[in-house]
Amino acid sequence: MHICCRCCQHYSRHPFLCCRSNCSGTPRLVRSGANAKLFHANNATGIILPIVHVYGTPYEMGLAQGQLMRLEIVQMYTAFEA
């Protein structure tokens, strides 16, 4: 699975590999679920960046991401809908 670092748009097979060099502080666990963990990290300008680590089969990863990021997905959808 490839993970996108939102700090620099770098793709890596290892979570936090490039985020640690571009973000200040250590990513902190916000919540977790079956096959997924959500971390928050601050970038150099103080913006909180979500980092999602999912694992399992493609179906399990998609389901886990949707369940874990449900609130953020609804907020984004509502913002675009307005």
C-alpha atoms as a PDB file:
ATOM      1  CA  MET A   1       0.000   0.000   0.000  1.00  0.00           C
ATOM      2  CA  HIS A   2       1.227   3.480  -0.795  1.00  0.00           C
ATOM      3  CA  ILE A   3       0.725   6.266   1.702  1.00  0.00           C
ATOM      4  CA  CYS A   4       0.692   9.887   0.639  1.00  0.00           C
ATOM      5  CA  CYS A   5       2.455  12.353   2.868  1.00  0.00           C
ATOM      6  CA  ARG A   6       0.259  15.443   2.817  1.00  0.00           C
ATOM      7  CA  CYS A   7       3.243  17.608   3.804  1.00  0.00           C
ATOM      8  CA  CYS A   8       5.207  17.101   0.613  1.00  0.00           C
ATOM      9  CA  GLN A   9       2.974  14.843  -1.563  1.00  0.00           C
ATOM     10  CA  HIS A  10       5.620  12.103  -1.389  1.00  0.00           C
ATOM     11  CA  TYR A  11       4.466   8.504  -1.732  1.00  0.00           C
ATOM     12  CA  SER A  12       6.038   5.913   0.514  1.00  0.00           C
ATOM     13  CA  ARG A  13       5.408   2.373   1.692  1.00  0.00           C
ATOM     14  CA  HIS A  14       6.358   3.416   5.227  1.00  0.00           C
ATOM     15  CA  PRO A  15       4.017   5.619   7.277  1.00  0.00           C
ATOM     16  CA  PHE A  16       5.564   8.836   8.597  1.00  0.00           C
ATOM     17  CA  LEU A  17       8.798   8.281   6.648  1.00  0.00           C
ATOM     18  CA  CYS A  18       8.673  11.682   4.987  1.00  0.00           C
ATOM     19  CA  CYS A  19       6.180  13.320   7.368  1.00  0.00           C
ATOM     20  CA  ARG A  20       8.634  13.288  10.246  1.00  0.00           C
ATOM     21  CA  SER A  21      11.112  15.395   8.314  1.00  0.00           C
ATOM     22  CA  ASN A  22       8.500  17.998   7.295  1.00  0.00           C
ATOM     23  CA  CYS A  23       6.249  18.061  10.341  1.00  0.00           C
ATOM     24  CA  SER A  24       7.054  19.458  13.734  1.00  0.00           C
ATOM     25  CA  GLY A  25       6.668  17.050  16.621  1.00  0.00           C
ATOM     26  CA  THR A  26       5.654  13.424  16.637  1.00  0.00           C
ATOM     27  CA  PRO A  27       2.336  12.411  15.058  1.00  0.00           C
ATOM     28  CA  ARG A  28      -0.156  11.664  17.825  1.00  0.00           C
ATOM     29  CA  LEU A  29      -2.814   8.975  17.704  1.00  0.00           C
ATOM     30  CA  VAL A  30      -6.289  10.503  17.484  1.00  0.00           C
ATOM     31  CA  ARG A  31      -8.429   7.400  17.016  1.00  0.00           C
ATOM     32  CA  SER A  32      -8.200   3.899  15.697  1.00  0.00           C
ATOM     33  CA  GLY A  33     -10.481   1.205  14.402  1.00  0.00           C
ATOM     34  CA  ALA A  34     -10.316  -2.172  12.761  1.00  0.00           C
ATOM     35  CA  ASN A  35      -7.449  -2.037  10.231  1.00  0.00           C
ATOM     36  CA  ALA A  36      -6.877   1.728  10.589  1.00  0.00           C
ATOM     37  CA  LYS A  37      -5.267   4.410  12.747  1.00  0.00           C
ATOM     38  CA  LEU A  38      -5.667   8.185  12.474  1.00  0.00           C
ATOM     39  CA  PHE A  39      -2.800  10.415  13.552  1.00  0.00           C
ATOM     40  CA  HIS A  40      -2.479  14.206  13.596  1.00  0.00           C
ATOM     41  CA  ALA A  41       0.788  16.007  12.953  1.00  0.00           C
ATOM     42  CA  ASN A  42       1.573  19.719  12.778  1.00  0.00           C
ATOM     43  CA  ASN A  43       3.452  21.063   9.783  1.00  0.00           C
ATOM     44  CA  ALA A  44       5.948  23.923   9.931  1.00  0.00           C
ATOM     45  CA  THR A  45       3.163  26.537   9.699  1.00  0.00           C
ATOM     46  CA  GLY A  46       1.100  24.977  12.519  1.00  0.00           C
ATOM     47  CA  ILE A  47      -1.580  23.403  10.326  1.00  0.00           C
ATOM     48  CA  ILE A  48      -2.817  20.055  11.631  1.00  0.00           C
ATOM     49  CA  LEU A  49      -2.374  17.324   9.034  1.00  0.00           C
ATOM     50  CA  PRO A  50      -4.316  14.058   9.255  1.00  0.00           C
ATOM     51  CA  ILE A  51      -2.288  10.912   8.610  1.00  0.00           C
ATOM     52  CA  VAL A  52      -4.265   7.726   7.993  1.00  0.00           C
ATOM     53  CA  HIS A  53      -2.567   4.346   8.283  1.00  0.00           C
ATOM     54  CA  VAL A  54      -4.691   1.522   6.877  1.00  0.00           C
ATOM     55  CA  TYR A  55      -3.826  -2.132   6.416  1.00  0.00           C
ATOM     56  CA  GLY A  56      -5.439  -5.372   5.293  1.00  0.00           C
ATOM     57  CA  THR A  57      -7.052  -6.326   2.000  1.00  0.00           C
ATOM     58  CA  PRO A  58      -8.086  -3.562  -0.395  1.00  0.00           C
ATOM     59  CA  TYR A  59     -11.707  -3.961   0.725  1.00  0.00           C
ATOM     60  CA  GLU A  60     -10.745  -3.856   4.427  1.00  0.00           C
ATOM     61  CA  MET A  61      -8.573  -0.774   3.878  1.00  0.00           C
ATOM     62  CA  GLY A  62     -11.345   1.102   2.064  1.00  0.00           C
ATOM     63  CA  LEU A  63     -13.929   0.176   4.670  1.00  0.00           C
ATOM     64  CA  ALA A  64     -11.590   1.084   7.520  1.00  0.00           C
ATOM     65  CA  GLN A  65     -10.724   4.459   6.000  1.00  0.00           C
ATOM     66  CA  GLY A  66     -14.374   5.309   5.437  1.00  0.00           C
ATOM     67  CA  GLN A  67     -15.328   4.338   8.981  1.00  0.00           C
ATOM     68  CA  LEU A  68     -12.360   6.107  10.565  1.00  0.00           C
ATOM     69  CA  MET A  69     -12.692   9.322   8.535  1.00  0.00           C
ATOM     70  CA  ARG A  70     -16.519   9.449   8.538  1.00  0.00           C
ATOM     71  CA  LEU A  71     -16.765  12.800  10.323  1.00  0.00           C
ATOM     72  CA  GLU A  72     -14.117  14.446   8.141  1.00  0.00           C
ATOM     73  CA  ILE A  73     -15.769  13.107   4.975  1.00  0.00           C
ATOM     74  CA  VAL A  74     -19.159  14.502   6.020  1.00  0.00           C
ATOM     75  CA  GLN A  75     -17.597  17.891   6.879  1.00  0.00           C
ATOM     76  CA  MET A  76     -15.810  18.048   3.533  1.00  0.00           C
ATOM     77  CA  TYR A  77     -18.925  17.019   1.609  1.00  0.00           C
ATOM     78  CA  THR A  78     -21.005  19.633   3.436  1.00  0.00           C
ATOM     79  CA  ALA A  79     -18.431  22.349   2.717  1.00  0.00           C
ATOM     80  CA  PHE A  80     -18.355  21.519  -1.005  1.00  0.00           C
ATOM     81  CA  GLU A  81     -22.142  21.252  -1.186  1.00  0.00           C
ATOM     82  CA  ALA A  82     -22.691  24.775   0.200  1.00  0.00           C
END
